[in-house]
PDB file of N, CA and C in Angstrom:
ATOM      1  N   MET A   1       0.823  -1.193   0.000  1.00  0.00           N
ATOM      2  CA  MET A   1       0.001   0.000  -0.004  1.00  0.00           C
ATOM      3  C   MET A   1       0.868   1.263  -0.006  1.00  0.00           C
ATOM      4  N   THR A   2       1.965   1.224   0.728  1.00  0.00           N
ATOM      5  CA  THR A   2       2.839   2.388   0.794  1.00  0.00           C
ATOM      6  C   THR A   2       3.376   2.737  -0.589  1.00  0.00           C
ATOM      7  N   ARG A   3       3.818   1.718  -1.318  1.00  0.00           N
ATOM      8  CA  ARG A   3       4.335   1.958  -2.655  1.00  0.00           C
ATOM      9  C   ARG A   3       3.232   2.465  -3.591  1.00  0.00           C
ATOM     10  N   LEU A   4       2.060   1.908  -3.469  1.00  0.00           N
ATOM     11  CA  LEU A   4       0.932   2.340  -4.294  1.00  0.00           C
ATOM     12  C   LEU A   4       0.610   3.810  -4.022  1.00  0.00           C
ATOM     13  N   GLU A   5       0.617   4.191  -2.757  1.00  0.00           N
ATOM     14  CA  GLU A   5       0.373   5.602  -2.408  1.00  0.00           C
ATOM     15  C   GLU A   5       1.457   6.510  -2.976  1.00  0.00           C
ATOM     16  N   GLU A   6       2.692   6.035  -2.949  1.00  0.00           N
ATOM     17  CA  GLU A   6       3.804   6.813  -3.503  1.00  0.00           C
ATOM     18  C   GLU A   6       3.644   6.997  -5.023  1.00  0.00           C
ATOM     19  N   ILE A   7       3.221   5.935  -5.696  1.00  0.00           N
ATOM     20  CA  ILE A   7       3.004   5.997  -7.141  1.00  0.00           C
ATOM     21  C   ILE A   7       1.917   7.010  -7.465  1.00  0.00           C
ATOM     22  N   VAL A   8       0.844   6.984  -6.729  1.00  0.00           N
ATOM     23  CA  VAL A   8      -0.250   7.937  -6.953  1.00  0.00           C
ATOM     24  C   VAL A   8       0.254   9.366  -6.760  1.00  0.00           C
ATOM     25  N   ARG A   9       1.016   9.587  -5.711  1.00  0.00           N
ATOM     26  CA  ARG A   9       1.561  10.923  -5.441  1.00  0.00           C
ATOM     27  C   ARG A   9       2.433  11.392  -6.592  1.00  0.00           C
ATOM     28  N   LEU A  10       3.301  10.506  -7.072  1.00  0.00           N
ATOM     29  CA  LEU A  10       4.191  10.858  -8.174  1.00  0.00           C
ATOM     30  C   LEU A  10       3.414  11.169  -9.463  1.00  0.00           C
ATOM     31  N   LEU A  11       2.420  10.341  -9.742  1.00  0.00           N
ATOM     32  CA  LEU A  11       1.646  10.558 -10.963  1.00  0.00           C
ATOM     33  C   LEU A  11       0.797  11.835 -10.861  1.00  0.00           C
ATOM     34  N   GLU A  12       0.261  12.109  -9.702  1.00  0.00           N
ATOM     35  CA  GLU A  12      -0.539  13.323  -9.525  1.00  0.00           C
ATOM     36  C   GLU A  12       0.321  14.581  -9.631  1.00  0.00           C
ATOM     37  N   GLY A  13       1.625  14.448  -9.360  1.00  0.00           N
ATOM     38  CA  GLY A  13       2.522  15.593  -9.472  1.00  0.00           C
ATOM     39  C   GLY A  13       2.601  16.132 -10.888  1.00  0.00           C
ATOM     40  N   GLY A  14       2.433  15.264 -11.863  1.00  0.00           N
ATOM     41  CA  GLY A  14       2.390  15.675 -13.241  1.00  0.00           C
ATOM     42  C   GLY A  14       3.716  16.150 -13.833  1.00  0.00           C
ATOM     43  N   THR A  15       4.831  15.840 -13.193  1.00  0.00           N
ATOM     44  CA  THR A  15       6.120  16.323 -13.683  1.00  0.00           C
ATOM     45  C   THR A  15       6.980  15.249 -14.312  1.00  0.00           C
ATOM     46  N   LEU A  16       6.506  14.005 -14.322  1.00  0.00           N
ATOM     47  CA  LEU A  16       7.287  12.895 -14.856  1.00  0.00           C
ATOM     48  C   LEU A  16       7.142  12.806 -16.376  1.00  0.00           C
ATOM     49  N   PRO A  17       8.190  12.325 -17.025  1.00  0.00           N
ATOM     50  CA  PRO A  17       8.087  12.071 -18.469  1.00  0.00           C
ATOM     51  C   PRO A  17       7.046  10.976 -18.733  1.00  0.00           C
ATOM     52  N   LEU A  18       6.496  10.966 -19.920  1.00  0.00           N
ATOM     53  CA  LEU A  18       5.429  10.040 -20.270  1.00  0.00           C
ATOM     54  C   LEU A  18       5.847   8.580 -20.056  1.00  0.00           C
ATOM     55  N   GLU A  19       7.035   8.221 -20.511  1.00  0.00           N
ATOM     56  CA  GLU A  19       7.492   6.839 -20.388  1.00  0.00           C
ATOM     57  C   GLU A  19       7.555   6.405 -18.924  1.00  0.00           C
ATOM     58  N   GLU A  20       8.054   7.252 -18.057  1.00  0.00           N
ATOM     59  CA  GLU A  20       8.148   6.925 -16.626  1.00  0.00           C
ATOM     60  C   GLU A  20       6.754   6.859 -16.021  1.00  0.00           C
ATOM     61  N   SER A  21       5.876   7.775 -16.429  1.00  0.00           N
ATOM     62  CA  SER A  21       4.496   7.758 -15.937  1.00  0.00           C
ATOM     63  C   SER A  21       3.796   6.458 -16.297  1.00  0.00           C
ATOM     64  N   LEU A  22       3.995   6.003 -17.525  1.00  0.00           N
ATOM     65  CA  LEU A  22       3.367   4.746 -17.959  1.00  0.00           C
ATOM     66  C   LEU A  22       3.911   3.549 -17.178  1.00  0.00           C
ATOM     67  N   ALA A  23       5.214   3.551 -16.922  1.00  0.00           N
ATOM     68  CA  ALA A  23       5.812   2.454 -16.153  1.00  0.00           C
ATOM     69  C   ALA A  23       5.272   2.452 -14.727  1.00  0.00           C
ATOM     70  N   LEU A  24       5.149   3.622 -14.131  1.00  0.00           N
ATOM     71  CA  LEU A  24       4.595   3.701 -12.771  1.00  0.00           C
ATOM     72  C   LEU A  24       3.130   3.303 -12.748  1.00  0.00           C
ATOM     73  N   PHE A  25       2.387   3.716 -13.780  1.00  0.00           N
ATOM     74  CA  PHE A  25       0.968   3.356 -13.845  1.00  0.00           C
ATOM     75  C   PHE A  25       0.832   1.831 -13.925  1.00  0.00           C
ATOM     76  N   GLU A  26       1.654   1.195 -14.755  1.00  0.00           N
ATOM     77  CA  GLU A  26       1.607  -0.257 -14.863  1.00  0.00           C
ATOM     78  C   GLU A  26       1.938  -0.926 -13.533  1.00  0.00           C
ATOM     79  N   GLU A  27       2.951  -0.427 -12.844  1.00  0.00           N
ATOM     80  CA  GLU A  27       3.303  -0.962 -11.523  1.00  0.00           C
ATOM     81  C   GLU A  27       2.135  -0.782 -10.566  1.00  0.00           C
ATOM     82  N   GLY A  28       1.509   0.380 -10.611  1.00  0.00           N
ATOM     83  CA  GLY A  28       0.369   0.663  -9.735  1.00  0.00           C
ATOM     84  C   GLY A  28      -0.799  -0.276  -9.970  1.00  0.00           C
ATOM     85  N   VAL A  29      -1.082  -0.563 -11.237  1.00  0.00           N
ATOM     86  CA  VAL A  29      -2.170  -1.489 -11.562  1.00  0.00           C
ATOM     87  C   VAL A  29      -1.860  -2.875 -10.999  1.00  0.00           C
ATOM     88  N   LYS A  30      -0.618  -3.333 -11.144  1.00  0.00           N
ATOM     89  CA  LYS A  30      -0.226  -4.637 -10.624  1.00  0.00           C
ATOM     90  C   LYS A  30      -0.361  -4.674  -9.088  1.00  0.00           C
ATOM     91  N   LEU A  31       0.085  -3.609  -8.431  1.00  0.00           N
ATOM     92  CA  LEU A  31      -0.020  -3.553  -6.973  1.00  0.00           C
ATOM     93  C   LEU A  31      -1.485  -3.506  -6.519  1.00  0.00           C
ATOM     94  N   SER A  32      -2.290  -2.763  -7.249  1.00  0.00           N
ATOM     95  CA  SER A  32      -3.698  -2.672  -6.918  1.00  0.00           C
ATOM     96  C   SER A  32      -4.374  -4.040  -7.021  1.00  0.00           C
ATOM     97  N   ARG A  33      -4.036  -4.770  -8.070  1.00  0.00           N
ATOM     98  CA  ARG A  33      -4.601  -6.118  -8.231  1.00  0.00           C
ATOM     99  C   ARG A  33      -4.149  -7.046  -7.107  1.00  0.00           C
ATOM    100  N   ARG A  34      -2.880  -6.907  -6.723  1.00  0.00           N
ATOM    101  CA  ARG A  34      -2.346  -7.727  -5.625  1.00  0.00           C
ATOM    102  C   ARG A  34      -3.084  -7.403  -4.309  1.00  0.00           C
ATOM    103  N   CYS A  35      -3.299  -6.122  -4.053  1.00  0.00           N
ATOM    104  CA  CYS A  35      -4.031  -5.725  -2.849  1.00  0.00           C
ATOM    105  C   CYS A  35      -5.451  -6.299  -2.857  1.00  0.00           C
ATOM    106  N   LEU A  36      -6.090  -6.268  -4.008  1.00  0.00           N
ATOM    107  CA  LEU A  36      -7.448  -6.808  -4.120  1.00  0.00           C
ATOM    108  C   LEU A  36      -7.459  -8.317  -3.846  1.00  0.00           C
ATOM    109  N   THR A  37      -6.448  -9.013  -4.349  1.00  0.00           N
ATOM    110  CA  THR A  37      -6.336 -10.454  -4.115  1.00  0.00           C
ATOM    111  C   THR A  37      -6.176 -10.740  -2.627  1.00  0.00           C
ATOM    112  N   VAL A  38      -5.296  -9.998  -1.962  1.00  0.00           N
ATOM    113  CA  VAL A  38      -5.084 -10.189  -0.527  1.00  0.00           C
ATOM    114  C   VAL A  38      -6.382  -9.896   0.251  1.00  0.00           C
ATOM    115  N   LEU A  39      -7.065  -8.829  -0.131  1.00  0.00           N
ATOM    116  CA  LEU A  39      -8.324  -8.482   0.525  1.00  0.00           C
ATOM    117  C   LEU A  39      -9.372  -9.581   0.339  1.00  0.00           C
ATOM    118  N   ASN A  40      -9.486 -10.097  -0.868  1.00  0.00           N
ATOM    119  CA  ASN A  40     -10.447 -11.175  -1.124  1.00  0.00           C
ATOM    120  C   ASN A  40     -10.116 -12.434  -0.349  1.00  0.00           C
ATOM    121  N   GLU A  41      -8.825 -12.767  -0.247  1.00  0.00           N
ATOM    122  CA  GLU A  41      -8.423 -13.925   0.547  1.00  0.00           C
ATOM    123  C   GLU A  41      -8.773 -13.737   2.017  1.00  0.00           C
ATOM    124  N   ALA A  42      -8.551 -12.545   2.518  1.00  0.00           N
ATOM    125  CA  ALA A  42      -8.897 -12.255   3.927  1.00  0.00           C
ATOM    126  C   ALA A  42     -10.406 -12.376   4.135  1.00  0.00           C
ATOM    127  N   GLU A  43     -11.177 -11.892   3.175  1.00  0.00           N
ATOM    128  CA  GLU A  43     -12.629 -11.987   3.298  1.00  0.00           C
ATOM    129  C   GLU A  43     -13.084 -13.449   3.335  1.00  0.00           C
ATOM    130  N   ARG A  44     -12.494 -14.274   2.490  1.00  0.00           N
ATOM    131  CA  ARG A  44     -12.836 -15.705   2.495  1.00  0.00           C
ATOM    132  C   ARG A  44     -12.478 -16.352   3.835  1.00  0.00           C
ATOM    133  N   LYS A  45     -11.349 -15.978   4.409  1.00  0.00           N
ATOM    134  CA  LYS A  45     -10.965 -16.524   5.718  1.00  0.00           C
ATOM    135  C   LYS A  45     -11.974 -16.125   6.797  1.00  0.00           C
ATOM    136  N   VAL A  46     -12.399 -14.872   6.776  1.00  0.00           N
ATOM    137  CA  VAL A  46     -13.377 -14.390   7.742  1.00  0.00           C
ATOM    138  C   VAL A  46     -14.680 -15.161   7.579  1.00  0.00           C
ATOM    139  N   GLU A  47     -15.089 -15.360   6.320  1.00  0.00           N
ATOM    140  CA  GLU A  47     -16.334 -16.092   6.087  1.00  0.00           C
ATOM    141  C   GLU A  47     -16.249 -17.522   6.611  1.00  0.00           C
ATOM    142  N   ARG A  48     -15.076 -18.151   6.445  1.00  0.00           N
ATOM    143  CA  ARG A  48     -14.910 -19.513   6.982  1.00  0.00           C
ATOM    144  C   ARG A  48     -14.941 -19.524   8.497  1.00  0.00           C
ATOM    145  N   LEU A  49     -14.361 -18.499   9.117  1.00  0.00           N
ATOM    146  CA  LEU A  49     -14.367 -18.425  10.577  1.00  0.00           C
ATOM    147  C   LEU A  49     -15.750 -18.163  11.147  1.00  0.00           C
ATOM    148  N   VAL A  50     -16.527 -17.344  10.440  1.00  0.00           N
ATOM    149  CA  VAL A  50     -17.875 -16.998  10.911  1.00  0.00           C
ATOM    150  C   VAL A  50     -18.800 -18.178  10.743  1.00  0.00           C
ATOM    151  N   GLY A  51     -18.670 -18.893   9.681  1.00  0.00           N
ATOM    152  CA  GLY A  51     -19.517 -20.053   9.436  1.00  0.00           C
ATOM    153  C   GLY A  51     -19.622 -20.324   7.966  1.00  0.00           C
ATOM    154  N   ARG A  52     -19.587 -21.579   7.654  1.00  0.00           N
ATOM    155  CA  ARG A  52     -19.637 -21.978   6.232  1.00  0.00           C
ATOM    156  C   ARG A  52     -20.999 -21.664   5.648  1.00  0.00           C
ATOM    157  N   GLY A  53     -20.945 -21.055   4.453  1.00  0.00           N
ATOM    158  CA  GLY A  53     -22.184 -20.774   3.760  1.00  0.00           C
ATOM    159  C   GLY A  53     -22.885 -19.511   4.202  1.00  0.00           C
ATOM    160  N   GLU A  54     -22.536 -19.007   5.363  1.00  0.00           N
ATOM    161  CA  GLU A  54     -23.170 -17.771   5.816  1.00  0.00           C
ATOM    162  C   GLU A  54     -22.452 -16.590   5.179  1.00  0.00           C
ATOM    163  N   ARG A  55     -23.203 -15.654   4.704  1.00  0.00           N
ATOM    164  CA  ARG A  55     -22.610 -14.470   4.064  1.00  0.00           C
ATOM    165  C   ARG A  55     -22.432 -13.398   5.132  1.00  0.00           C
ATOM    166  N   THR A  56     -21.247 -12.793   5.169  1.00  0.00           N
ATOM    167  CA  THR A  56     -20.999 -11.719   6.122  1.00  0.00           C
ATOM    168  C   THR A  56     -21.212 -10.380   5.464  1.00  0.00           C
ATOM    169  N   GLU A  57     -21.542  -9.391   6.229  1.00  0.00           N
ATOM    170  CA  GLU A  57     -21.721  -8.040   5.723  1.00  0.00           C
ATOM    171  C   GLU A  57     -20.352  -7.363   5.646  1.00  0.00           C
ATOM    172  N   PRO A  58     -20.154  -6.479   4.651  1.00  0.00           N
ATOM    173  CA  PRO A  58     -18.877  -5.775   4.572  1.00  0.00           C
ATOM    174  C   PRO A  58     -18.647  -4.887   5.778  1.00  0.00           C
ATOM    175  N   PHE A  59     -17.381  -4.677   6.110  1.00  0.00           N
ATOM    176  CA  PHE A  59     -17.044  -3.789   7.206  1.00  0.00           C
ATOM    177  C   PHE A  59     -17.344  -2.349   6.799  1.00  0.00           C
ATOM    178  N   ASP A  60     -17.840  -1.544   7.726  1.00  0.00           N
ATOM    179  CA  ASP A  60     -18.009  -0.120   7.482  1.00  0.00           C
ATOM    180  C   ASP A  60     -16.718   0.564   7.839  1.00  0.00           C
ATOM    181  N   LEU A  61     -16.105   1.240   6.845  1.00  0.00           N
ATOM    182  CA  LEU A  61     -14.858   1.947   7.083  1.00  0.00           C
ATOM    183  C   LEU A  61     -15.136   3.446   7.163  1.00  0.00           C
ATOM    184  N   PRO A  62     -14.384   4.136   8.002  1.00  0.00           N
ATOM    185  CA  PRO A  62     -14.496   5.600   7.995  1.00  0.00           C
ATOM    186  C   PRO A  62     -14.130   6.108   6.599  1.00  0.00           C
ATOM    187  N   ASP A  63     -14.658   7.254   6.205  1.00  0.00           N
ATOM    188  CA  ASP A  63     -14.439   7.808   4.876  1.00  0.00           C
ATOM    189  C   ASP A  63     -12.984   7.862   4.469  1.00  0.00           C
ATOM    190  N   ALA A  64     -12.090   8.205   5.379  1.00  0.00           N
ATOM    191  CA  ALA A  64     -10.661   8.326   5.055  1.00  0.00           C
ATOM    192  C   ALA A  64     -10.062   6.993   4.648  1.00  0.00           C
ATOM    193  N   GLU A  65     -10.561   5.884   5.190  1.00  0.00           N
ATOM    194  CA  GLU A  65     -10.017   4.571   4.871  1.00  0.00           C
ATOM    195  C   GLU A  65     -10.728   3.921   3.717  1.00  0.00           C
ATOM    196  N   ALA A  66     -11.882   4.405   3.320  1.00  0.00           N
ATOM    197  CA  ALA A  66     -12.654   3.784   2.258  1.00  0.00           C
ATOM    198  C   ALA A  66     -12.055   4.038   0.882  1.00  0.00           C
ATOM    199  N   GLU A  67     -11.255   5.066   0.732  1.00  0.00           N
ATOM    200  CA  GLU A  67     -10.673   5.371  -0.563  1.00  0.00           C
ATOM    201  C   GLU A  67      -9.485   4.468  -0.808  1.00  0.00           C
ATOM    202  N   PRO A  68      -9.312   3.979  -2.086  1.00  0.00           N
ATOM    203  CA  PRO A  68      -8.183   3.102  -2.394  1.00  0.00           C
ATOM    204  C   PRO A  68      -6.856   3.794  -2.320  1.00  0.00           C
TER     205      PRO A  68
END
């Protein structure tokens, strides 16, 4: 997450050359997908702990944490 936040900051700065921006964007997409995979795995673990077949409700996050 720290690296992903750094990439966003760099890209939002708008001072990087196009080639570097594209490379960072690609890295960011890969990191974002990895974070989603980890989150989905954690959700499945929670569902198994709560009970098989029972669907759990998503956690309510404060607004500051809800943004990717």
